[in-house]
Amino acid sequence: MARTMISSICRDGSLLKRIASRTVKFSRMCNQARLHTERNSPVYKFGILLPRDRNHALQIDKDNDNKVWETSIGLEIDQLNECKTFRNMGKHAKIPRDHQRIRVHFVFDVKHDLRCKSRLVAGGHMTDPPKDSVLFWRCYSPISSTVYASWGTQRS
């Protein structure tokens, strides 16, 4: 009976294709589930929970009954305002013609001396490199002195 079953599988081939496609699909689904779990699982550094975004940082402060991350965020914003790095145009403001809107988000970290640091990072990958430079692809860095940013709670 087993020989007749094997011979029918070898002759037809469609059953083997179905089994192979199911195996590939199942493997892909397992990999996606693993990646989803890794991306959404809490991240700890030196025993301190790292926030995923600004709202999560404020929620952690509320849960721990302190203002560690809020102070870190405030310090970063004060430093940016002191250097006049960003000009807040508002959420739905019209931007000037020669400028481009760049989304920003916070990146959180804990240093080796247990300082909680936050950095406001602009999505520089969204800007077009300048076309007037011959070697722009070698030396272009998407940093500018003034960036028009839209402040708000955005996902990181």
Protein backbone atom coordinates (compact mmCIF):
# COMPACT_ATOMS: atom_id res chain seq x y z
CA MET A 1 0.00 0.00 0.00
CA ALA A 2 2.86 2.35 0.81
CA ARG A 3 4.47 1.63 -2.56
CA THR A 4 1.31 2.45 -4.45
CA MET A 5 0.96 5.68 -2.50
CA ILE A 6 4.57 6.68 -3.21
CA SER A 7 4.26 5.81 -6.86
CA SER A 8 1.06 7.85 -7.18
CA ILE A 9 2.82 10.82 -5.52
CA CYS A 10 5.75 10.53 -7.88
CA ARG A 11 3.51 10.30 -10.93
CA ASP A 12 1.21 13.16 -10.08
CA GLY A 13 3.63 15.58 -8.39
CA SER A 14 0.83 17.94 -7.34
CA LEU A 15 0.75 16.54 -3.81
CA LEU A 16 4.48 17.15 -3.45
CA LYS A 17 4.02 20.72 -4.66
CA ARG A 18 1.24 21.29 -2.13
CA ILE A 19 3.31 19.86 0.71
CA ALA A 20 6.33 21.93 -0.31
CA SER A 21 4.32 25.15 -0.61
CA ARG A 22 2.68 24.52 2.78
CA THR A 23 6.09 23.91 4.35
CA VAL A 24 7.49 27.13 2.90
CA LYS A 25 4.39 29.06 3.96
CA PHE A 26 4.50 27.60 7.47
CA SER A 27 8.20 28.43 7.78
CA ARG A 28 7.53 32.01 6.65
CA MET A 29 4.66 32.39 9.13
CA CYS A 30 6.83 31.11 11.99
CA ASN A 31 9.57 33.57 11.07
CA GLN A 32 7.09 36.48 10.95
CA ALA A 33 5.67 35.52 14.36
CA ARG A 34 9.18 35.40 15.85
CA LEU A 35 10.06 38.81 14.38
CA HIS A 36 6.79 40.31 15.62
CA THR A 37 7.51 39.05 19.14
CA GLU A 38 11.07 40.40 19.08
CA ARG A 39 10.00 43.83 17.83
CA ASN A 40 7.20 44.26 20.35
CA SER A 41 8.85 42.74 23.39
CA PRO A 42 10.11 45.10 26.10
CA VAL A 43 13.77 46.06 25.87
CA TYR A 44 15.82 46.43 29.03
CA LYS A 45 19.28 47.94 29.35
CA PHE A 46 21.13 47.73 32.66
CA GLY A 47 17.82 46.64 34.19
CA ILE A 48 15.96 49.76 33.05
CA LEU A 49 13.05 49.53 30.62
CA LEU A 50 13.71 51.48 27.41
CA PRO A 51 10.67 53.33 26.02
CA ARG A 52 9.53 52.77 22.45
CA ASP A 53 8.24 56.33 21.95
CA ARG A 54 7.46 59.53 23.84
CA ASN A 55 4.08 58.37 25.14
CA HIS A 56 5.60 55.13 26.39
CA ALA A 57 8.34 57.12 28.18
CA LEU A 58 5.76 59.26 29.97
CA GLN A 59 3.78 56.13 30.89
CA ILE A 60 6.91 54.53 32.38
CA ASP A 61 7.49 57.69 34.44
CA LYS A 62 3.90 57.58 35.65
CA ASP A 63 4.18 53.89 36.57
CA ASN A 64 7.48 54.40 38.43
CA ASP A 65 6.26 57.63 40.08
CA ASN A 66 9.25 59.66 38.85
CA LYS A 67 10.16 62.02 36.01
CA VAL A 68 13.38 60.48 34.68
CA TRP A 69 12.36 60.23 31.02
CA GLU A 70 10.35 63.46 31.09
CA THR A 71 13.44 65.30 32.39
CA SER A 72 15.57 63.67 29.69
CA ILE A 73 13.12 64.72 26.97
CA GLY A 74 12.95 68.27 28.36
CA LEU A 75 16.75 68.52 28.45
CA GLU A 76 17.00 67.40 24.81
CA ILE A 77 14.36 69.90 23.68
CA ASP A 78 16.07 72.69 25.64
CA GLN A 79 19.40 71.87 23.98
CA LEU A 80 17.78 71.90 20.54
CA ASN A 81 16.09 75.22 21.25
CA GLU A 82 19.35 76.68 22.57
CA CYS A 83 21.17 75.72 19.35
CA LYS A 84 18.18 76.86 17.24
CA THR A 85 18.22 73.56 15.40
CA PHE A 86 14.49 73.31 14.68
CA ARG A 87 11.85 75.87 13.90
CA ASN A 88 8.43 74.71 15.03
CA MET A 89 5.98 75.51 12.25
CA GLY A 90 3.04 73.70 13.83
CA LYS A 91 1.40 70.48 12.78
CA HIS A 92 -0.48 71.65 9.68
CA ALA A 93 1.52 74.77 8.79
CA LYS A 94 2.48 75.50 5.22
CA ILE A 95 6.21 75.04 4.74
CA PRO A 96 8.33 77.37 2.58
CA ARG A 97 9.00 76.36 -1.03
CA ASP A 98 12.70 75.65 -0.63
CA HIS A 99 12.22 73.45 2.44
CA GLN A 100 10.90 69.97 3.06
CA ARG A 101 8.93 68.59 5.99
CA ILE A 102 10.89 65.98 7.95
CA ARG A 103 9.31 63.76 10.57
CA VAL A 104 11.09 63.44 13.90
CA HIS A 105 11.00 60.88 16.71
CA PHE A 106 12.76 60.22 19.99
CA VAL A 107 15.40 57.54 20.50
CA PHE A 108 15.93 56.47 24.11
CA ASP A 109 18.99 54.94 25.73
CA VAL A 110 20.53 54.25 29.14
CA LYS A 111 24.22 55.08 29.51
CA HIS A 112 26.70 52.94 31.48
CA ASP A 113 26.44 55.31 34.46
CA LEU A 114 22.61 54.76 34.43
CA ARG A 115 21.81 58.18 32.93
CA CYS A 116 18.64 58.10 30.87
CA LYS A 117 19.23 59.82 27.53
CA SER A 118 16.80 60.79 24.82
CA ARG A 119 17.62 62.14 21.39
CA LEU A 120 15.29 63.78 18.91
CA VAL A 121 16.16 62.26 15.55
CA ALA A 122 15.05 63.61 12.19
CA GLY A 123 14.28 61.25 9.35
CA GLY A 124 17.08 62.55 7.12
CA HIS A 125 16.66 59.65 4.74
CA MET A 126 13.59 61.45 3.42
CA THR A 127 15.54 64.41 2.02
CA ASP A 128 16.89 64.59 -1.48
CA PRO A 129 20.66 65.05 -1.81
CA PRO A 130 21.76 68.33 -3.41
CA LYS A 131 22.19 68.18 -7.16
CA ASP A 132 24.63 71.10 -7.47
CA SER A 133 27.60 69.15 -6.12
CA VAL A 134 29.54 66.88 -8.47
CA LEU A 135 30.58 64.49 -5.70
CA PHE A 136 27.45 64.78 -3.56
CA TRP A 137 27.17 60.99 -3.23
CA ARG A 138 30.56 60.86 -1.47
CA CYS A 139 30.29 63.76 0.95
CA TYR A 140 26.57 64.43 1.47
CA SER A 141 25.33 64.34 5.04
CA PRO A 142 21.63 65.13 5.58
CA ILE A 143 22.26 67.61 8.41
CA SER A 144 21.12 71.18 8.13
CA SER A 145 21.34 74.22 10.37
CA THR A 146 17.58 74.78 10.39
CA VAL A 147 15.03 72.03 10.00
CA TYR A 148 11.33 72.70 9.85
CA ALA A 149 9.85 70.06 12.07
CA SER A 150 6.38 69.03 13.00
CA TRP A 151 6.32 68.45 16.76
CA GLY A 152 3.99 65.82 18.02
CA THR A 153 3.79 62.30 19.21
CA GLN A 154 5.00 60.16 16.38
CA ARG A 155 5.92 56.51 16.44
CA SER A 156 9.55 55.59 16.42
